[in-house]
Amino acid sequence: HLLSHLVTYGINGTIIPQSPNHIVIFIGGASSDSSIILQNYLGPHGIPQISYASTSVYLDDSLRYSSFLRNVPSDEIQARLVINLIKLHGWENVGLLHSRSAYGEKGANLVKKYAEQNNVCISFTEKVDLKAVKNVSLKIKYTGEQGRLPRPIILFMERDRMGYLVGNISLYDSNWKRRGNFFIASETWGTNKEIVGGKNDYVKGTLTISLDDAIHNWTS
């Protein structure tokens, strides 16, 4: 782990920061939150960091994250794409679930911004963390039973939270399929079949953003 090479521990357990100048370049991290933490160590020393998966627009700040580079597009693009997709299908009312993280919070704010600009109403929104997944799933169920849950639900969260959330919805909301609800998921779902394993009835009709050009059938 990179951080283990950046600190040593004194006799009394105190942390002693070390210079990372022996690192020429760092590839990673995967999540935006981990990349932000790493930039706090690498940036001040001018060590290039290249991420293959960190898409948060927080990392667009080249002054704060001066040595950060990535080979994936920013969430600014996929947030705009999600709303364009919604407009294309004529959906005027949607839901939004997002994680409590740099990726989820900033991504959700972008979705809200473009939704407002395009007259798309987000009538149901919840922040999701691992401790609150059951409560959010029950709230989805109760809102759906009252006829107030939009059919399309946008997911902007990390894949572990996505998988856990879909699993809980399949456990607590038996009427999800009957109501015709479906997900519009950000690229962290993408082509990851681990999220949908054993949950076919709850992922049918899902639209996902992917960084490749393949078409994936989530109903098979």
C-alpha atoms as a PDB file:
ATOM      1  CA  HIS A   1       0.000   0.000   0.000  1.00  0.00           C
ATOM      2  CA  LEU A   2       1.419   3.391  -0.964  1.00  0.00           C
ATOM      3  CA  LEU A   3       0.717   5.075   2.372  1.00  0.00           C
ATOM      4  CA  SER A   4       2.831   2.453   4.165  1.00  0.00           C
ATOM      5  CA  HIS A   5       5.822   3.778   2.205  1.00  0.00           C
ATOM      6  CA  LEU A   6       5.074   7.393   3.115  1.00  0.00           C
ATOM      7  CA  VAL A   7       5.057   7.089   6.895  1.00  0.00           C
ATOM      8  CA  THR A   8       7.063   5.349   9.597  1.00  0.00           C
ATOM      9  CA  TYR A   9       6.104   4.841  13.217  1.00  0.00           C
ATOM     10  CA  GLY A  10       8.060   6.065  16.216  1.00  0.00           C
ATOM     11  CA  ILE A  11       8.654   4.051  19.383  1.00  0.00           C
ATOM     12  CA  ASN A  12       5.578   5.554  21.045  1.00  0.00           C
ATOM     13  CA  GLY A  13       3.391   4.918  17.979  1.00  0.00           C
ATOM     14  CA  THR A  14       3.565   8.437  16.572  1.00  0.00           C
ATOM     15  CA  ILE A  15       3.365   8.765  12.784  1.00  0.00           C
ATOM     16  CA  ILE A  16       6.450  10.244  11.114  1.00  0.00           C
ATOM     17  CA  PRO A  17       5.805  11.438   7.529  1.00  0.00           C
ATOM     18  CA  GLN A  18       8.444  10.405   4.990  1.00  0.00           C
ATOM     19  CA  SER A  19       9.286  11.978   1.655  1.00  0.00           C
ATOM     20  CA  PRO A  20       7.852  10.002  -1.293  1.00  0.00           C
ATOM     21  CA  ASN A  21      10.626  11.173  -3.608  1.00  0.00           C
ATOM     22  CA  HIS A  22      11.670   7.568  -4.287  1.00  0.00           C
ATOM     23  CA  ILE A  23       8.374   7.212  -6.218  1.00  0.00           C
ATOM     24  CA  VAL A  24       8.710   8.223  -9.883  1.00  0.00           C
ATOM     25  CA  ILE A  25       5.034   7.855 -10.848  1.00  0.00           C
ATOM     26  CA  PHE A  26       1.978   6.341  -9.207  1.00  0.00           C
ATOM     27  CA  ILE A  27      -0.834   4.517 -11.056  1.00  0.00           C
ATOM     28  CA  GLY A  28      -4.172   4.678  -9.189  1.00  0.00           C
ATOM     29  CA  GLY A  29      -6.292   4.909  -7.204  1.00  0.00           C
ATOM     30  CA  ALA A  30      -9.537   3.419  -8.332  1.00  0.00           C
ATOM     31  CA  SER A  31     -12.010   5.451  -6.300  1.00  0.00           C
ATOM     32  CA  SER A  32     -12.070   9.246  -6.389  1.00  0.00           C
ATOM     33  CA  ASP A  33     -11.860   9.428  -2.588  1.00  0.00           C
ATOM     34  CA  SER A  34      -8.646   7.387  -2.523  1.00  0.00           C
ATOM     35  CA  SER A  35      -7.135   9.501  -5.317  1.00  0.00           C
ATOM     36  CA  ILE A  36      -7.889  12.688  -3.382  1.00  0.00           C
ATOM     37  CA  ILE A  37      -6.137  11.281  -0.311  1.00  0.00           C
ATOM     38  CA  LEU A  38      -3.150  10.182  -2.384  1.00  0.00           C
ATOM     39  CA  GLN A  39      -2.862  13.605  -4.013  1.00  0.00           C
ATOM     40  CA  ASN A  40      -2.425  15.163  -0.589  1.00  0.00           C
ATOM     41  CA  TYR A  41       0.846  13.203  -0.371  1.00  0.00           C
ATOM     42  CA  LEU A  42       1.968  13.131  -3.997  1.00  0.00           C
ATOM     43  CA  GLY A  43       0.915  16.585  -5.189  1.00  0.00           C
ATOM     44  CA  PRO A  44       3.197  18.699  -2.958  1.00  0.00           C
ATOM     45  CA  HIS A  45       6.174  16.649  -4.194  1.00  0.00           C
ATOM     46  CA  GLY A  46       5.214  16.955  -7.870  1.00  0.00           C
ATOM     47  CA  ILE A  47       4.949  13.191  -8.335  1.00  0.00           C
ATOM     48  CA  PRO A  48       2.584  12.324 -11.217  1.00  0.00           C
ATOM     49  CA  GLN A  49      -0.458  10.253 -10.332  1.00  0.00           C
ATOM     50  CA  ILE A  50      -2.448   8.625 -13.147  1.00  0.00           C
ATOM     51  CA  SER A  51      -5.861   7.184 -12.318  1.00  0.00           C
ATOM     52  CA  TYR A  52      -7.703   4.713 -14.509  1.00  0.00           C
ATOM     53  CA  ALA A  53     -11.049   5.065 -12.699  1.00  0.00           C
ATOM     54  CA  SER A  54     -11.325   8.228 -10.570  1.00  0.00           C
ATOM     55  CA  THR A  55     -13.925  10.396 -12.308  1.00  0.00           C
ATOM     56  CA  SER A  56     -15.011  12.937  -9.673  1.00  0.00           C
ATOM     57  CA  VAL A  57     -14.993  16.566 -10.802  1.00  0.00           C
ATOM     58  CA  TYR A  58     -13.301  17.472  -7.522  1.00  0.00           C
ATOM     59  CA  LEU A  59     -10.147  16.201  -9.231  1.00  0.00           C
ATOM     60  CA  ASP A  60     -10.617  18.701 -12.084  1.00  0.00           C
ATOM     61  CA  ASP A  61      -9.061  21.333  -9.806  1.00  0.00           C
ATOM     62  CA  SER A  62      -5.548  21.470 -11.270  1.00  0.00           C
ATOM     63  CA  LEU A  63      -4.356  23.984  -8.667  1.00  0.00           C
ATOM     64  CA  ARG A  64      -5.300  21.809  -5.708  1.00  0.00           C
ATOM     65  CA  TYR A  65      -4.459  18.466  -7.359  1.00  0.00           C
ATOM     66  CA  SER A  66      -1.529  19.649  -9.430  1.00  0.00           C
ATOM     67  CA  SER A  67       0.029  16.298 -10.322  1.00  0.00           C
ATOM     68  CA  PHE A  68      -3.168  14.345 -10.904  1.00  0.00           C
ATOM     69  CA  LEU A  69      -3.906  12.893 -14.337  1.00  0.00           C
ATOM     70  CA  ARG A  70      -6.498  10.380 -15.556  1.00  0.00           C
ATOM     71  CA  ASN A  71      -7.407   8.472 -18.686  1.00  0.00           C
ATOM     72  CA  VAL A  72     -11.161   8.421 -18.016  1.00  0.00           C
ATOM     73  CA  PRO A  73     -13.638  11.269 -18.540  1.00  0.00           C
ATOM     74  CA  SER A  74     -14.843  13.481 -15.711  1.00  0.00           C
ATOM     75  CA  ASP A  75     -18.284  12.985 -14.131  1.00  0.00           C
ATOM     76  CA  GLU A  76     -19.264  16.301 -15.724  1.00  0.00           C
ATOM     77  CA  ILE A  77     -19.640  14.416 -19.005  1.00  0.00           C
ATOM     78  CA  GLN A  78     -21.578  11.439 -17.709  1.00  0.00           C
ATOM     79  CA  ALA A  79     -23.954  13.602 -15.639  1.00  0.00           C
ATOM     80  CA  ARG A  80     -24.810  15.522 -18.784  1.00  0.00           C
ATOM     81  CA  LEU A  81     -25.170  12.244 -20.689  1.00  0.00           C
ATOM     82  CA  VAL A  82     -27.587  10.830 -18.083  1.00  0.00           C
ATOM     83  CA  ILE A  83     -29.876  13.848 -18.392  1.00  0.00           C
ATOM     84  CA  ASN A  84     -29.655  13.782 -22.200  1.00  0.00           C
ATOM     85  CA  LEU A  85     -30.694  10.138 -22.067  1.00  0.00           C
ATOM     86  CA  ILE A  86     -33.654  10.998 -19.848  1.00  0.00           C
ATOM     87  CA  LYS A  87     -34.728  13.800 -22.173  1.00  0.00           C
ATOM     88  CA  LEU A  88     -34.387  11.501 -25.192  1.00  0.00           C
ATOM     89  CA  HIS A  89     -36.887   9.071 -23.662  1.00  0.00           C
ATOM     90  CA  GLY A  90     -39.257  11.815 -22.532  1.00  0.00           C
ATOM     91  CA  TRP A  91     -39.035  11.059 -18.805  1.00  0.00           C
ATOM     92  CA  GLU A  92     -39.919  14.232 -16.935  1.00  0.00           C
ATOM     93  CA  ASN A  93     -39.835  12.861 -13.382  1.00  0.00           C
ATOM     94  CA  VAL A  94     -36.956  10.771 -11.966  1.00  0.00           C
ATOM     95  CA  GLY A  95     -35.434   9.646  -8.684  1.00  0.00           C
ATOM     96  CA  LEU A  96     -31.799  10.008  -7.592  1.00  0.00           C
ATOM     97  CA  LEU A  97     -29.808   7.863  -5.144  1.00  0.00           C
ATOM     98  CA  HIS A  98     -26.182   8.708  -4.446  1.00  0.00           C
ATOM     99  CA  SER A  99     -23.431   7.804  -2.011  1.00  0.00           C
ATOM    100  CA  ARG A 100     -21.938  10.011   0.702  1.00  0.00           C
ATOM    101  CA  SER A 101     -18.559  10.418  -1.003  1.00  0.00           C
ATOM    102  CA  ALA A 102     -16.667  12.771  -3.271  1.00  0.00           C
ATOM    103  CA  TYR A 103     -17.826  10.691  -6.226  1.00  0.00           C
ATOM    104  CA  GLY A 104     -21.485  10.426  -5.213  1.00  0.00           C
ATOM    105  CA  GLU A 105     -22.032  13.908  -3.777  1.00  0.00           C
ATOM    106  CA  LYS A 106     -20.438  15.848  -6.605  1.00  0.00           C
ATOM    107  CA  GLY A 107     -21.931  13.575  -9.263  1.00  0.00           C
ATOM    108  CA  ALA A 108     -25.414  14.039  -7.805  1.00  0.00           C
ATOM    109  CA  ASN A 109     -24.967  17.821  -7.737  1.00  0.00           C
ATOM    110  CA  LEU A 110     -24.082  17.760 -11.439  1.00  0.00           C
ATOM    111  CA  VAL A 111     -27.116  15.607 -12.242  1.00  0.00           C
ATOM    112  CA  LYS A 112     -29.330  18.081 -10.350  1.00  0.00           C
ATOM    113  CA  LYS A 113     -27.764  21.024 -12.201  1.00  0.00           C
ATOM    114  CA  TYR A 114     -28.367  19.547 -15.654  1.00  0.00           C
ATOM    115  CA  ALA A 115     -31.816  18.279 -14.655  1.00  0.00           C
ATOM    116  CA  GLU A 116     -32.847  21.819 -13.684  1.00  0.00           C
ATOM    117  CA  GLN A 117     -31.455  23.233 -16.932  1.00  0.00           C
ATOM    118  CA  ASN A 118     -33.486  20.687 -18.924  1.00  0.00           C
ATOM    119  CA  ASN A 119     -36.744  20.879 -16.940  1.00  0.00           C
ATOM    120  CA  VAL A 120     -36.369  17.357 -15.523  1.00  0.00           C
ATOM    121  CA  CYS A 121     -37.937  16.985 -12.072  1.00  0.00           C
ATOM    122  CA  ILE A 122     -36.042  14.978  -9.432  1.00  0.00           C
ATOM    123  CA  SER A 123     -38.899  14.245  -7.036  1.00  0.00           C
ATOM    124  CA  PHE A 124     -37.207  11.544  -4.944  1.00  0.00           C
ATOM    125  CA  THR A 125     -33.623  11.717  -3.701  1.00  0.00           C
ATOM    126  CA  GLU A 126     -31.672   9.925  -0.968  1.00  0.00           C
ATOM    127  CA  LYS A 127     -28.076   9.741   0.214  1.00  0.00           C
ATOM    128  CA  VAL A 128     -26.892   6.166   0.650  1.00  0.00           C
ATOM    129  CA  ASP A 129     -24.169   4.743   2.846  1.00  0.00           C
ATOM    130  CA  LEU A 130     -23.717   1.115   3.875  1.00  0.00           C
ATOM    131  CA  LYS A 131     -25.394   1.661   7.249  1.00  0.00           C
ATOM    132  CA  ALA A 132     -28.464   3.312   5.699  1.00  0.00           C
ATOM    133  CA  VAL A 133     -29.079   0.934   2.782  1.00  0.00           C
ATOM    134  CA  LYS A 134     -31.899  -0.965   4.521  1.00  0.00           C
ATOM    135  CA  ASN A 135     -33.695   2.257   5.496  1.00  0.00           C
ATOM    136  CA  VAL A 136     -33.371   3.659   1.978  1.00  0.00           C
ATOM    137  CA  SER A 137     -34.696   0.385   0.528  1.00  0.00           C
ATOM    138  CA  LEU A 138     -37.722   0.498   2.845  1.00  0.00           C
ATOM    139  CA  LYS A 139     -38.338   4.146   1.966  1.00  0.00           C
ATOM    140  CA  ILE A 140     -38.292   3.198  -1.733  1.00  0.00           C
ATOM    141  CA  LYS A 141     -40.848   0.479  -0.997  1.00  0.00           C
ATOM    142  CA  TYR A 142     -43.191   2.744   0.994  1.00  0.00           C
ATOM    143  CA  THR A 143     -42.923   5.620  -1.504  1.00  0.00           C
ATOM    144  CA  GLY A 144     -43.682   3.187  -4.317  1.00  0.00           C
ATOM    145  CA  GLU A 145     -46.712   1.790  -2.475  1.00  0.00           C
ATOM    146  CA  GLN A 146     -48.058   5.338  -2.178  1.00  0.00           C
ATOM    147  CA  GLY A 147     -47.677   5.847  -5.932  1.00  0.00           C
ATOM    148  CA  ARG A 148     -45.106   8.639  -5.500  1.00  0.00           C
ATOM    149  CA  LEU A 149     -41.934   6.874  -6.678  1.00  0.00           C
ATOM    150  CA  PRO A 150     -40.694   7.840 -10.171  1.00  0.00           C
ATOM    151  CA  ARG A 151     -40.130   4.874 -12.489  1.00  0.00           C
ATOM    152  CA  PRO A 152     -36.530   5.734 -13.473  1.00  0.00           C
ATOM    153  CA  ILE A 153     -34.087   5.870 -10.543  1.00  0.00           C
ATOM    154  CA  ILE A 154     -30.614   7.318 -11.190  1.00  0.00           C
ATOM    155  CA  LEU A 155     -27.788   5.650  -9.228  1.00  0.00           C
ATOM    156  CA  PHE A 156     -24.590   7.633  -8.655  1.00  0.00           C
ATOM    157  CA  MET A 157     -22.513   5.596  -6.220  1.00  0.00           C
ATOM    158  CA  GLU A 158     -19.605   3.187  -5.907  1.00  0.00           C
ATOM    159  CA  ARG A 159     -20.137  -0.387  -7.071  1.00  0.00           C
ATOM    160  CA  ASP A 160     -20.053  -1.966  -3.585  1.00  0.00           C
ATOM    161  CA  ARG A 161     -22.896   0.329  -2.497  1.00  0.00           C
ATOM    162  CA  MET A 162     -24.754  -0.313  -5.769  1.00  0.00           C
ATOM    163  CA  GLY A 163     -24.614  -4.076  -5.307  1.00  0.00           C
ATOM    164  CA  TYR A 164     -25.675  -3.849  -1.670  1.00  0.00           C
ATOM    165  CA  LEU A 165     -28.524  -1.455  -2.487  1.00  0.00           C
ATOM    166  CA  VAL A 166     -29.911  -3.562  -5.346  1.00  0.00           C
ATOM    167  CA  GLY A 167     -29.690  -6.606  -3.086  1.00  0.00           C
ATOM    168  CA  ASN A 168     -31.673  -4.868  -0.343  1.00  0.00           C
ATOM    169  CA  ILE A 169     -34.314  -3.595  -2.767  1.00  0.00           C
ATOM    170  CA  SER A 170     -34.768  -7.147  -4.066  1.00  0.00           C
ATOM    171  CA  LEU A 171     -35.158  -8.305  -0.463  1.00  0.00           C
ATOM    172  CA  TYR A 172     -37.634  -5.682   0.796  1.00  0.00           C
ATOM    173  CA  ASP A 173     -39.525  -4.376  -2.246  1.00  0.00           C
ATOM    174  CA  SER A 174     -41.387  -7.244  -3.915  1.00  0.00           C
ATOM    175  CA  ASN A 175     -43.398  -4.838  -6.101  1.00  0.00           C
ATOM    176  CA  TRP A 176     -40.424  -3.141  -7.783  1.00  0.00           C
ATOM    177  CA  LYS A 177     -40.881  -5.065 -11.021  1.00  0.00           C
ATOM    178  CA  ARG A 178     -44.685  -4.785 -11.014  1.00  0.00           C
ATOM    179  CA  ARG A 179     -44.460  -0.974 -10.735  1.00  0.00           C
ATOM    180  CA  GLY A 180     -42.084  -0.882 -13.698  1.00  0.00           C
ATOM    181  CA  ASN A 181     -39.230   0.779 -11.813  1.00  0.00           C
ATOM    182  CA  PHE A 182     -35.743   0.624 -13.326  1.00  0.00           C
ATOM    183  CA  PHE A 183     -32.265   2.050 -12.785  1.00  0.00           C
ATOM    184  CA  ILE A 184     -30.124   4.472 -14.732  1.00  0.00           C
ATOM    185  CA  ALA A 185     -26.642   3.773 -13.379  1.00  0.00           C
ATOM    186  CA  SER A 186     -23.332   5.597 -13.598  1.00  0.00           C
ATOM    187  CA  GLU A 187     -20.177   4.019 -14.988  1.00  0.00           C
ATOM    188  CA  THR A 188     -19.263   2.262 -11.713  1.00  0.00           C
ATOM    189  CA  TRP A 189     -21.965  -0.261 -12.646  1.00  0.00           C
ATOM    190  CA  GLY A 190     -20.966  -0.261 -16.298  1.00  0.00           C
ATOM    191  CA  THR A 191     -20.107  -3.824 -17.303  1.00  0.00           C
ATOM    192  CA  ASN A 192     -19.819  -5.244 -13.770  1.00  0.00           C
ATOM    193  CA  LYS A 193     -21.937  -8.382 -13.601  1.00  0.00           C
ATOM    194  CA  GLU A 194     -21.203  -8.896  -9.887  1.00  0.00           C
ATOM    195  CA  ILE A 195     -23.754  -6.181  -9.131  1.00  0.00           C
ATOM    196  CA  VAL A 196     -26.558  -7.974 -10.937  1.00  0.00           C
ATOM    197  CA  GLY A 197     -25.808 -11.557  -9.942  1.00  0.00           C
ATOM    198  CA  GLY A 198     -29.045 -13.309  -8.893  1.00  0.00           C
ATOM    199  CA  LYS A 199     -31.107 -10.110  -9.201  1.00  0.00           C
ATOM    200  CA  ASN A 200     -32.318 -10.305 -12.804  1.00  0.00           C
ATOM    201  CA  ASP A 201     -35.910  -9.306 -12.009  1.00  0.00           C
ATOM    202  CA  TYR A 202     -34.652  -6.114 -10.372  1.00  0.00           C
ATOM    203  CA  VAL A 203     -32.161  -5.053 -13.046  1.00  0.00           C
ATOM    204  CA  LYS A 204     -34.208  -5.686 -16.177  1.00  0.00           C
ATOM    205  CA  GLY A 205     -34.414  -2.505 -18.216  1.00  0.00           C
ATOM    206  CA  THR A 206     -31.426  -0.926 -16.465  1.00  0.00           C
ATOM    207  CA  LEU A 207     -29.504   1.640 -18.504  1.00  0.00           C
ATOM    208  CA  THR A 208     -25.828   1.946 -17.604  1.00  0.00           C
ATOM    209  CA  ILE A 209     -23.061   4.312 -18.638  1.00  0.00           C
ATOM    210  CA  SER A 210     -20.003   2.422 -19.884  1.00  0.00           C
ATOM    211  CA  LEU A 211     -16.509   3.508 -20.873  1.00  0.00           C
ATOM    212  CA  ASP A 212     -16.435   0.990 -23.718  1.00  0.00           C
ATOM    213  CA  ASP A 213     -18.643   0.737 -26.796  1.00  0.00           C
ATOM    214  CA  ALA A 214     -20.150  -2.692 -26.128  1.00  0.00           C
ATOM    215  CA  ILE A 215     -23.835  -3.360 -25.528  1.00  0.00           C
ATOM    216  CA  HIS A 216     -24.540  -5.434 -22.416  1.00  0.00           C
ATOM    217  CA  ASN A 217     -27.743  -7.400 -21.848  1.00  0.00           C
ATOM    218  CA  TRP A 218     -28.662  -7.325 -18.156  1.00  0.00           C
ATOM    219  CA  THR A 219     -31.705  -9.555 -18.640  1.00  0.00           C
ATOM    220  CA  SER A 220     -29.869 -12.755 -19.564  1.00  0.00           C
END
